Protein backbone atom coordinates (compact mmCIF):
# COMPACT_ATOMS: atom_id res chain seq x y z
CA UNK A 1 29.97 -144.13 -76.31
CA UNK A 2 31.63 -147.17 -76.69
CA UNK A 3 30.11 -150.15 -78.81
CA UNK A 4 30.28 -152.57 -75.77
CA UNK A 5 28.61 -149.81 -73.49
CA UNK A 6 25.76 -149.08 -76.15
CA UNK A 7 25.43 -152.71 -76.28
CA UNK A 8 25.11 -153.54 -72.14
CA UNK A 9 22.68 -149.87 -72.30
CA UNK A 10 19.97 -150.92 -74.51
CA UNK A 11 20.49 -154.74 -73.27
CA UNK A 12 19.65 -153.56 -69.63
CA UNK A 13 16.83 -151.33 -70.69
CA UNK A 14 15.08 -154.16 -72.53
CA UNK A 15 15.67 -156.35 -69.61
CA UNK A 16 13.54 -154.17 -67.59
CA UNK A 17 11.24 -153.61 -70.24
CA UNK A 18 10.99 -157.86 -70.32
CA UNK A 19 10.69 -157.77 -66.12
CA UNK A 20 7.31 -155.80 -66.45
CA UNK A 21 6.26 -158.34 -68.87
CA UNK A 22 7.35 -161.43 -66.93
CA UNK A 23 5.45 -159.60 -63.59
CA UNK A 24 2.39 -159.29 -65.87
CA UNK A 25 2.36 -162.80 -66.64
CA UNK A 26 3.19 -163.76 -62.76
CA UNK A 27 -0.07 -161.67 -61.63
CA UNK A 28 -2.58 -163.22 -64.11
CA UNK A 29 -0.92 -166.63 -63.49
CA UNK A 30 -1.16 -167.10 -59.43
CA UNK A 31 0.99 -169.99 -59.14
CA UNK A 32 3.93 -170.75 -60.99
CA UNK A 33 6.29 -173.52 -60.51
CA UNK A 34 10.43 -173.35 -60.85
CA UNK A 35 10.03 -174.58 -63.86
CA UNK A 36 8.17 -171.56 -65.13
CA UNK A 37 10.10 -169.28 -63.54
CA UNK A 38 13.19 -170.74 -65.29
CA UNK A 39 11.43 -170.95 -68.74
CA UNK A 40 10.46 -166.66 -68.30
CA UNK A 41 14.19 -166.36 -67.46
CA UNK A 42 14.90 -168.57 -70.70
CA UNK A 43 12.43 -166.00 -72.76
CA UNK A 44 14.68 -162.46 -71.13
CA UNK A 45 18.12 -164.33 -72.28
CA UNK A 46 17.30 -165.41 -75.91
CA UNK A 47 15.43 -161.81 -76.31
CA UNK A 48 18.37 -160.16 -75.18
CA UNK A 49 20.64 -161.84 -77.38
CA UNK A 50 18.16 -160.97 -80.40
CA UNK A 51 18.97 -157.65 -79.41
CA UNK A 52 22.41 -157.94 -78.48
CA UNK A 53 22.80 -159.13 -82.60
CA UNK A 54 20.71 -156.10 -83.83
CA UNK A 55 22.79 -153.66 -81.46
CA UNK A 56 25.64 -154.89 -83.11
CA UNK A 57 24.77 -154.36 -86.39
CA UNK A 58 23.72 -150.97 -85.89
CA UNK A 59 26.65 -150.28 -84.29
CA UNK A 60 28.76 -151.63 -87.47
CA UNK A 61 27.19 -148.61 -89.15
CA UNK A 62 29.35 -145.66 -89.46
CA UNK A 63 29.33 -143.59 -86.25
CA UNK A 64 29.20 -139.79 -86.53
CA UNK A 65 29.34 -137.26 -83.51
CA UNK A 66 25.81 -136.39 -82.15
CA UNK A 67 24.07 -133.96 -83.58
CA UNK A 68 20.81 -133.24 -85.22
CA UNK A 69 20.41 -135.09 -88.81
CA UNK A 70 20.34 -133.52 -92.03
CA UNK A 71 16.87 -133.62 -93.49
CA UNK A 72 17.86 -134.45 -97.16
CA UNK A 73 15.27 -133.91 -100.08
CA UNK A 74 15.12 -135.26 -103.75
CA UNK A 75 15.33 -131.34 -104.51
CA UNK A 76 18.43 -130.56 -102.16
CA UNK A 77 20.27 -133.61 -103.28
CA UNK A 78 20.04 -133.11 -106.93
CA UNK A 79 20.97 -129.61 -106.58
CA UNK A 80 24.05 -130.62 -104.54
CA UNK A 81 24.68 -133.52 -106.77
CA UNK A 82 25.13 -131.51 -109.65
CA UNK A 83 27.05 -128.68 -108.18
CA UNK A 84 29.54 -130.98 -106.81
CA UNK A 85 29.52 -134.55 -109.22
CA UNK A 86 33.15 -135.07 -110.20
CA UNK A 87 31.16 -136.52 -113.44
CA UNK A 88 29.69 -133.63 -114.15
CA UNK A 89 32.72 -131.01 -113.81
CA UNK A 90 35.35 -133.12 -116.02
CA UNK A 91 32.48 -133.00 -118.63
CA UNK A 92 31.99 -129.26 -118.30
CA UNK A 93 35.56 -129.01 -118.82
CA UNK A 94 35.31 -130.97 -122.17
CA UNK A 95 32.47 -129.05 -123.10
CA UNK A 96 34.50 -125.68 -122.57
CA UNK A 97 37.31 -126.80 -124.53
CA UNK A 98 34.89 -127.36 -127.38
CA UNK A 99 33.36 -123.91 -127.13
CA UNK A 100 36.80 -122.40 -126.73
CA UNK A 101 37.80 -124.25 -130.32
CA UNK A 102 34.73 -122.51 -132.03
CA UNK A 103 36.51 -119.40 -133.23
CA UNK A 104 37.02 -118.08 -136.74
CA UNK A 105 40.37 -117.96 -136.17
CA UNK A 106 40.45 -121.83 -135.30
CA UNK A 107 38.42 -122.43 -138.70
CA UNK A 108 41.08 -120.21 -140.58
CA UNK A 109 39.49 -116.96 -141.69
CA UNK A 110 41.96 -114.56 -140.06
CA UNK A 111 45.23 -114.14 -141.39
CA UNK A 112 48.82 -114.87 -139.28
CA UNK A 113 50.83 -112.32 -138.16
CA UNK A 114 54.40 -112.85 -137.59
CA UNK A 115 57.39 -110.60 -136.32
CA UNK A 116 61.27 -111.73 -136.31
CA UNK A 117 64.14 -109.88 -135.06
CA UNK A 118 67.83 -110.85 -135.71
CA UNK A 119 70.86 -109.43 -134.91
CA UNK A 120 74.29 -111.32 -135.88
CA UNK A 121 77.94 -110.18 -134.97
CA UNK A 122 81.02 -111.63 -136.34
CA UNK A 123 84.73 -110.71 -135.83
CA UNK A 124 87.13 -112.28 -139.14
CA UNK A 125 90.59 -111.63 -139.88
CA UNK A 126 90.49 -111.12 -143.83
CA UNK A 127 93.14 -110.96 -146.86
CA UNK A 128 91.78 -109.68 -149.98
CA UNK A 129 93.60 -109.27 -153.35
CA UNK A 130 91.51 -107.17 -155.78
CA UNK A 131 92.07 -107.98 -159.70
CA UNK A 132 93.47 -104.26 -159.77
CA UNK A 133 96.49 -105.68 -157.83
CA UNK A 134 95.33 -104.17 -154.25
CA UNK A 135 95.79 -106.11 -151.28
CA UNK A 136 94.24 -105.63 -148.13
CA UNK A 137 94.55 -107.45 -144.55
CA UNK A 138 92.45 -106.78 -142.14
CA UNK A 139 92.72 -108.27 -138.39
CA UNK A 140 90.41 -109.00 -135.89
CA UNK A 141 87.49 -107.28 -137.92
CA UNK A 142 83.82 -106.35 -136.38
CA UNK A 143 80.90 -107.08 -139.03
CA UNK A 144 77.44 -106.78 -137.20
CA UNK A 145 74.13 -107.21 -139.18
CA UNK A 146 70.24 -106.27 -137.91
CA UNK A 147 67.28 -107.71 -139.43
CA UNK A 148 63.72 -107.01 -138.71
CA UNK A 149 60.67 -108.13 -140.65
CA UNK A 150 56.89 -108.41 -139.95
CA UNK A 151 55.32 -111.23 -142.40
CA UNK A 152 51.47 -111.52 -142.76
CA UNK A 153 49.53 -114.36 -144.33
CA UNK A 154 46.32 -114.46 -145.09
CA UNK A 155 44.51 -117.66 -146.99
CA UNK A 156 42.10 -115.89 -149.33
CA UNK A 157 40.46 -119.10 -150.84
CA UNK A 158 41.19 -122.75 -150.00
CA UNK A 159 38.48 -124.52 -151.99
CA UNK A 160 35.88 -123.21 -148.91
CA UNK A 161 37.34 -125.58 -145.87
CA UNK A 162 37.55 -123.01 -144.00
CA UNK A 163 33.72 -122.78 -143.90
CA UNK A 164 33.57 -126.26 -143.66
CA UNK A 165 35.59 -126.38 -140.87
CA UNK A 166 33.73 -123.39 -139.31
CA UNK A 167 30.47 -125.39 -139.42
CA UNK A 168 32.53 -128.61 -137.68
CA UNK A 169 33.87 -126.71 -134.84
CA UNK A 170 29.74 -125.42 -134.15
CA UNK A 171 29.03 -129.88 -134.42
CA UNK A 172 31.65 -130.34 -131.82
CA UNK A 173 30.63 -127.76 -129.62
CA UNK A 174 26.94 -129.04 -129.58
CA UNK A 175 28.24 -132.39 -129.29
CA UNK A 176 29.82 -130.91 -126.00
CA UNK A 177 26.65 -129.80 -124.84
CA UNK A 178 25.01 -133.09 -125.42
CA UNK A 179 27.45 -134.88 -123.96
CA UNK A 180 27.15 -132.71 -120.47
CA UNK A 181 23.55 -133.06 -120.72
CA UNK A 182 24.01 -136.81 -120.95
CA UNK A 183 25.97 -136.52 -117.91
CA UNK A 184 23.56 -134.71 -115.94
CA UNK A 185 20.97 -136.96 -117.16
CA UNK A 186 22.73 -139.94 -115.86
CA UNK A 187 23.67 -138.13 -112.95
CA UNK A 188 19.81 -137.19 -112.41
CA UNK A 189 18.34 -140.26 -112.64
CA UNK A 190 21.50 -142.04 -110.54
CA UNK A 191 20.49 -139.84 -107.45
CA UNK A 192 16.84 -140.24 -108.30
CA UNK A 193 16.90 -144.16 -108.32
CA UNK A 194 19.32 -144.10 -105.39
CA UNK A 195 16.75 -141.44 -103.23
CA UNK A 196 14.30 -144.34 -103.86
CA UNK A 197 16.32 -147.07 -103.17
CA UNK A 198 17.15 -145.79 -99.59
CA UNK A 199 13.19 -145.37 -99.34
CA UNK A 200 12.71 -148.60 -100.58
CA UNK A 201 14.89 -150.20 -97.83
CA UNK A 202 13.80 -147.98 -95.16
CA UNK A 203 10.35 -149.69 -95.75
CA UNK A 204 11.81 -153.15 -96.09
CA UNK A 205 13.58 -152.66 -92.79
CA UNK A 206 10.31 -151.74 -91.08
CA UNK A 207 8.87 -154.98 -92.71
CA UNK A 208 11.95 -156.88 -91.48
CA UNK A 209 11.79 -155.13 -88.23
CA UNK A 210 7.51 -156.00 -87.87
CA UNK A 211 8.74 -159.96 -88.61
CA UNK A 212 10.77 -159.92 -85.79
CA UNK A 213 7.96 -158.15 -83.36
CA UNK A 214 5.66 -161.01 -84.78
CA UNK A 215 8.18 -163.70 -84.28
CA UNK A 216 9.58 -162.62 -80.98
CA UNK A 217 5.53 -162.32 -80.17
CA UNK A 218 5.11 -165.77 -81.58
CA UNK A 219 7.92 -167.42 -79.39
CA UNK A 220 6.81 -165.55 -76.01
CA UNK A 221 3.42 -167.56 -76.63
CA UNK A 222 5.29 -170.95 -77.14
CA UNK A 223 7.36 -170.09 -74.35
CA UNK A 224 4.39 -169.29 -71.83
CA UNK A 225 2.63 -172.20 -73.13
CA UNK A 226 5.74 -174.65 -72.38
CA UNK A 227 5.69 -173.90 -68.96
CA UNK A 228 2.01 -174.23 -68.64
CA UNK A 229 2.43 -177.39 -70.16
CA UNK A 230 0.46 -176.32 -72.74
CA UNK A 231 2.93 -176.43 -75.62
CA UNK A 232 5.79 -178.32 -76.97
CA UNK A 233 9.24 -178.16 -76.80
CA UNK A 234 8.97 -178.31 -80.69
CA UNK A 235 6.84 -175.49 -80.37
CA UNK A 236 9.35 -172.96 -79.09
CA UNK A 237 12.15 -174.37 -81.18
CA UNK A 238 10.51 -173.38 -84.39
CA UNK A 239 9.68 -170.19 -82.84
CA UNK A 240 13.22 -169.74 -82.45
CA UNK A 241 14.45 -170.79 -85.65
CA UNK A 242 11.68 -168.84 -87.57
CA UNK A 243 12.89 -165.89 -85.14
CA UNK A 244 16.66 -165.96 -85.86
CA UNK A 245 15.41 -166.11 -89.68
CA UNK A 246 13.68 -162.81 -89.74
CA UNK A 247 16.38 -161.55 -87.40
CA UNK A 248 19.17 -162.40 -90.37
CA UNK A 249 17.04 -160.90 -92.76
CA UNK A 250 16.44 -157.43 -90.96
CA UNK A 251 20.60 -157.62 -90.20
CA UNK A 252 20.94 -157.57 -94.14
CA UNK A 253 18.15 -155.27 -94.88
CA UNK A 254 20.19 -152.72 -92.50
CA UNK A 255 23.52 -153.28 -94.14
CA UNK A 256 22.04 -153.14 -97.63
CA UNK A 257 20.54 -149.80 -96.27
CA UNK A 258 24.25 -148.20 -94.62
CA UNK A 259 25.23 -149.31 -98.20
CA UNK A 260 22.95 -147.27 -100.10
CA UNK A 261 23.19 -144.10 -97.95
CA UNK A 262 27.27 -144.61 -98.51
CA UNK A 263 26.16 -144.55 -102.68
CA UNK A 264 23.98 -141.85 -101.80
CA UNK A 265 26.94 -139.50 -100.51
CA UNK A 266 29.45 -140.45 -103.25
CA UNK A 267 27.25 -139.61 -105.72
CA UNK A 268 27.00 -136.04 -104.05
CA UNK A 269 30.67 -135.90 -103.81
CA UNK A 270 30.44 -135.37 -100.08
CA UNK A 271 31.95 -137.33 -96.80
CA UNK A 272 30.71 -140.95 -97.04
CA UNK A 273 29.98 -141.01 -93.68
CA UNK A 274 27.51 -137.68 -93.68
CA UNK A 275 24.35 -138.94 -91.92
CA UNK A 276 21.38 -137.75 -93.25
CA UNK A 277 17.57 -138.66 -93.10
CA UNK A 278 14.70 -139.22 -95.90
CA UNK A 279 11.44 -138.12 -94.69
CA UNK A 280 9.50 -139.01 -98.19
CA UNK A 281 7.61 -141.77 -99.66
CA UNK A 282 7.60 -143.16 -103.52
CA UNK A 283 4.87 -140.85 -105.59
CA UNK A 284 3.82 -142.60 -108.55
CA UNK A 285 2.65 -140.72 -111.47
CA UNK A 286 0.13 -141.95 -114.41
CA UNK A 287 2.52 -141.59 -117.62
CA UNK A 288 1.36 -140.16 -120.80
CA UNK A 289 0.27 -142.34 -124.01
CA UNK A 290 3.33 -143.94 -125.71
CA UNK A 291 2.59 -142.09 -128.82
CA UNK A 292 3.48 -138.84 -126.90
CA UNK A 293 6.60 -140.08 -125.14
CA UNK A 294 7.62 -141.36 -128.82
CA UNK A 295 7.35 -138.75 -130.20
CA UNK A 296 9.19 -136.23 -127.53
CA UNK A 297 11.64 -139.02 -127.37
CA UNK A 298 12.53 -138.48 -131.43
CA UNK A 299 13.31 -134.90 -131.01
CA UNK A 300 15.10 -134.68 -127.29
CA UNK A 301 16.72 -137.95 -126.72
CA UNK A 302 20.33 -137.25 -125.93
CA UNK A 303 21.81 -140.57 -127.79
CA UNK A 304 20.02 -140.02 -130.36
CA UNK A 305 20.97 -136.32 -130.62
CA UNK A 306 24.61 -137.51 -130.87
CA UNK A 307 23.65 -140.19 -133.34
CA UNK A 308 22.66 -137.29 -135.51
CA UNK A 309 25.59 -134.39 -134.73
CA UNK A 310 28.23 -137.50 -135.41
CA UNK A 311 26.62 -137.82 -138.79
CA UNK A 312 26.41 -134.26 -139.52
CA UNK A 313 30.52 -133.92 -138.71
CA UNK A 314 30.23 -136.97 -141.05
CA UNK A 315 28.34 -135.27 -144.03
CA UNK A 316 30.77 -131.46 -143.44
CA UNK A 317 33.91 -134.05 -143.36
CA UNK A 318 33.21 -135.20 -147.47
CA UNK A 319 32.80 -131.28 -148.04
CA UNK A 320 36.23 -131.45 -146.19
CA UNK A 321 37.91 -133.74 -148.34
CA UNK A 322 36.42 -132.16 -151.72
CA UNK A 323 38.33 -128.86 -150.90
CA UNK A 324 41.71 -130.04 -151.77
CA UNK A 325 40.13 -130.57 -155.45
CA UNK A 326 40.27 -126.79 -155.44
CA UNK A 327 43.82 -124.80 -155.39
CA UNK A 328 44.61 -122.06 -153.13
CA UNK A 329 45.09 -118.44 -152.86
CA UNK A 330 47.35 -116.83 -150.17
CA UNK A 331 48.22 -113.21 -149.89
CA UNK A 332 51.32 -112.52 -148.40
CA UNK A 333 52.27 -108.88 -146.96
CA UNK A 334 55.56 -107.90 -144.72
CA UNK A 335 57.26 -105.06 -143.78
CA UNK A 336 61.35 -105.37 -143.31
CA UNK A 337 64.41 -103.39 -142.15
CA UNK A 338 67.98 -104.07 -141.90
CA UNK A 339 71.13 -102.58 -141.35
CA UNK A 340 74.76 -103.69 -142.01
CA UNK A 341 77.89 -102.20 -140.15
CA UNK A 342 81.24 -104.00 -141.56
CA UNK A 343 85.15 -103.20 -141.52
CA UNK A 344 85.87 -105.60 -144.27
CA UNK A 345 84.05 -106.57 -147.61
CA UNK A 346 82.76 -103.80 -150.14
CA UNK A 347 80.40 -102.27 -147.90
CA UNK A 348 81.31 -100.71 -145.06
CA UNK A 349 77.85 -99.65 -144.14
CA UNK A 350 74.24 -100.64 -145.68
CA UNK A 351 70.32 -99.67 -144.63
CA UNK A 352 67.43 -101.12 -146.09
CA UNK A 353 63.58 -101.18 -145.21
CA UNK A 354 60.36 -101.08 -146.65
CA UNK A 355 57.06 -102.88 -147.20
CA UNK A 356 56.66 -106.16 -149.53
CA UNK A 357 53.54 -107.97 -150.80
CA UNK A 358 52.33 -110.18 -153.35
CA UNK A 359 49.88 -113.38 -153.97
CA UNK A 360 50.70 -116.69 -154.83
CA UNK A 361 48.62 -119.53 -155.67
CA UNK A 362 49.25 -123.40 -155.32
CA UNK A 363 47.41 -126.10 -156.73
CA UNK A 364 47.58 -129.66 -156.54
CA UNK A 365 47.69 -131.33 -159.75
CA UNK A 366 48.36 -135.06 -158.63
CA UNK A 367 49.40 -136.63 -155.29
CA UNK A 368 48.89 -140.63 -155.52
CA UNK A 369 44.87 -139.96 -156.04
CA UNK A 370 44.80 -139.42 -152.36
CA UNK A 371 42.06 -136.53 -152.32
CA UNK A 372 39.99 -139.47 -154.43
CA UNK A 373 40.33 -141.77 -151.48
CA UNK A 374 39.63 -139.30 -148.64
CA UNK A 375 36.62 -138.28 -150.83
CA UNK A 376 35.80 -142.07 -150.68
CA UNK A 377 36.57 -142.81 -147.12
CA UNK A 378 34.67 -139.69 -146.34
CA UNK A 379 31.41 -140.82 -148.06
CA UNK A 380 31.34 -144.20 -146.47
CA UNK A 381 31.69 -142.60 -142.97
CA UNK A 382 28.53 -140.33 -144.10
CA UNK A 383 26.80 -143.49 -144.93
CA UNK A 384 27.55 -145.06 -141.78
CA UNK A 385 26.63 -142.35 -139.64
CA UNK A 386 23.12 -142.42 -141.49
CA UNK A 387 22.90 -146.22 -140.61
CA UNK A 388 23.95 -145.68 -136.69
CA UNK A 389 20.97 -142.67 -136.49
CA UNK A 390 18.72 -145.39 -137.90
CA UNK A 391 19.62 -147.85 -135.36
CA UNK A 392 19.77 -145.61 -132.64
CA UNK A 393 15.93 -144.72 -133.71
CA UNK A 394 14.88 -148.17 -133.40
CA UNK A 395 16.92 -148.56 -129.99
CA UNK A 396 15.11 -145.95 -128.57
CA UNK A 397 11.79 -147.40 -129.41
CA UNK A 398 12.46 -150.70 -128.40
CA UNK A 399 14.00 -149.28 -124.88
CA UNK A 400 10.70 -147.02 -124.67
CA UNK A 401 8.63 -149.87 -124.96
CA UNK A 402 9.98 -152.13 -122.32
CA UNK A 403 10.22 -149.36 -119.89
CA UNK A 404 6.71 -148.49 -120.95
CA UNK A 405 5.40 -151.81 -120.81
CA UNK A 406 7.25 -152.56 -117.13
CA UNK A 407 5.77 -149.46 -116.02
CA UNK A 408 1.77 -150.09 -116.85
CA UNK A 409 2.30 -153.93 -115.29
CA UNK A 410 4.09 -153.29 -112.31
CA UNK A 411 1.38 -150.40 -111.65
CA UNK A 412 -1.17 -153.11 -112.21
CA UNK A 413 0.79 -155.19 -109.51
CA UNK A 414 0.97 -152.15 -107.20
CA UNK A 415 -2.85 -152.32 -106.53
CA UNK A 416 -2.84 -155.30 -106.33
CA UNK A 417 -0.51 -155.96 -103.68
CA UNK A 418 -1.94 -152.88 -101.71
CA UNK A 419 -5.11 -155.16 -101.31
CA UNK A 420 -3.13 -158.14 -101.15
CA UNK A 421 -1.58 -156.79 -97.81
CA UNK A 422 -4.41 -155.53 -96.30
CA UNK A 423 -6.00 -158.73 -96.47
CA UNK A 424 -2.81 -160.53 -95.67
CA UNK A 425 -2.41 -158.12 -92.18
CA UNK A 426 -6.42 -159.18 -91.10
CA UNK A 427 -5.44 -162.74 -92.09
CA UNK A 428 -2.24 -162.58 -89.49
CA UNK A 429 -4.24 -160.96 -86.75
CA UNK A 430 -6.85 -163.45 -87.13
CA UNK A 431 -4.48 -166.05 -87.12
CA UNK A 432 -2.53 -164.69 -83.97
CA UNK A 433 -5.97 -165.00 -82.05
CA UNK A 434 -6.68 -168.86 -83.10
CA UNK A 435 -2.92 -169.57 -82.37
CA UNK A 436 -3.58 -168.30 -78.80
CA UNK A 437 -6.54 -170.61 -78.62
CA UNK A 438 -4.85 -173.51 -80.09
CA UNK A 439 -6.96 -173.68 -83.12
CA UNK A 440 -3.82 -173.73 -85.26
CA UNK A 441 -0.23 -175.06 -85.11
CA UNK A 442 3.09 -173.17 -85.47
CA UNK A 443 3.84 -174.62 -89.11
CA UNK A 444 0.28 -172.88 -90.10
CA UNK A 445 0.87 -169.62 -88.10
CA UNK A 446 4.54 -169.38 -89.46
CA UNK A 447 2.85 -169.98 -93.29
CA UNK A 448 0.54 -167.24 -92.70
CA UNK A 449 2.87 -165.05 -91.47
CA UNK A 450 5.44 -165.54 -94.10
CA UNK A 451 2.39 -164.82 -96.89
CA UNK A 452 2.23 -161.24 -95.24
CA UNK A 453 5.82 -160.66 -95.29
CA UNK A 454 5.99 -161.79 -98.71
CA UNK A 455 3.26 -159.63 -99.85
CA UNK A 456 4.80 -156.36 -98.26
CA UNK A 457 7.99 -156.86 -99.69
CA UNK A 458 6.41 -157.91 -103.40
CA UNK A 459 4.72 -154.07 -102.82
CA UNK A 460 7.50 -152.25 -102.12
CA UNK A 461 9.37 -153.93 -104.72
CA UNK A 462 6.76 -153.01 -107.08
CA UNK A 463 6.63 -149.53 -106.06
CA UNK A 464 10.14 -149.41 -106.65
CA UNK A 465 10.27 -151.10 -109.79
CA UNK A 466 7.23 -148.70 -111.17
CA UNK A 467 9.63 -145.71 -110.10
CA UNK A 468 12.76 -146.80 -111.87
CA UNK A 469 10.60 -147.26 -114.86
CA UNK A 470 9.14 -143.92 -114.73
CA UNK A 471 12.43 -142.27 -114.17
CA UNK A 472 13.87 -144.00 -117.26
CA UNK A 473 10.71 -143.18 -119.49
CA UNK A 474 11.62 -139.17 -118.77
CA UNK A 475 15.33 -139.95 -119.60
CA UNK A 476 14.68 -141.59 -122.57
CA UNK A 477 11.87 -139.37 -123.50
CA UNK A 478 14.40 -136.07 -122.87
CA UNK A 479 11.90 -134.93 -119.98
CA UNK A 480 13.95 -135.83 -117.13
CA UNK A 481 15.83 -132.58 -116.41
CA UNK A 482 12.60 -130.94 -117.11
CA UNK A 483 10.65 -133.36 -114.49
CA UNK A 484 13.47 -133.23 -111.82
CA UNK A 485 12.58 -130.62 -108.88
CA UNK A 486 15.59 -128.82 -109.00
CA UNK A 487 16.30 -126.19 -106.38
CA UNK A 488 17.90 -122.95 -107.89
């Protein structure tokens, strides 16, 4: 169905509803003047204009084929995101590379074995004169030489550097695993926050829609009063302005909702136009004590773990640099086979083969104090690593405290706003009754209505802020992946 047809269909259905409304008004008031009929007509026109705007806004959202909407749960969203998210896939590749590199061969424990083979052929014309006076001339003489050898080189001692290298490769593998966990935690947090953000925006859309309905009802009352001579043009204009303001807010909330839904599809690495529906609420869990959270974070926080692993690398780098102060002992062994065929020279044919072996020792007596320089620099980096761990710990404490305070304060705000919304709704109900009786004016009614809107917005906002702080607390304490309800 085209955009124009959708708008026309919705406007036509709304005109039928408003015709029923106008008929009920006509049955209550037996005699209407021409002015009254024109007023009712203006109600229909204004109402359909607002509906037309909303229809256009909905039509501007991505259009998908008519089909049953997917019910997207948080569990399903997390399972899909962890499987398809591009950042996780790329980080997993980095983790696999670090794992592949952690071998005893890469550390230098194993020998190297090299096989070489070479054959040389020459065609030469020679003139030879010997001390005995004999001369020999050979034209186009063919000479060929074949050499085959296998050489094994094995470092037996290198100042324990190979052991240090193996430890460093193990730390690098741990860093790769921790890096993958950091990305997974970030993805889980992003998906969770976007999921609850959609729930929040759904609620905000409902609040905005209720505000539009309330303003529409108020405008109808103003129209009816004006047609009966009991109202004023000022009341009608004010109600129209407020209705337009509420309609604008509704349009903005719907656009924000559509954009957030697209963000969710992007996080799940699927088509951004994929349609889905969320049937869930924001459930806030009571947090543990701050000391308990801090104790878990000091052991499980991924950023702190990364700082500690980098500190381990710096410590091993010192040992690696110090290893250059010791001699290196190598074992060399091999086997060679060689043949020579010549039509000129002293040997017509020669063949030799057999094993060879030996030991070699190398010791750097002086290289411009570069070993000392490397050791000093490694110790400085080790000190920097210790400072970075302390800094990461202090930063973790501050972040935890801020999120904890944010959570506790907003938890209290949620309780206050819940009671505030109940009172505000009751207040609006009473105010409308008084407005219909003429006991309060437009400004007073709008002020009461606006308080309800503000209370509902603040309630929804405080719930989302509370949930955000809860997710961040879990992430900082290293508990997010344990608490995330991921489907297998």
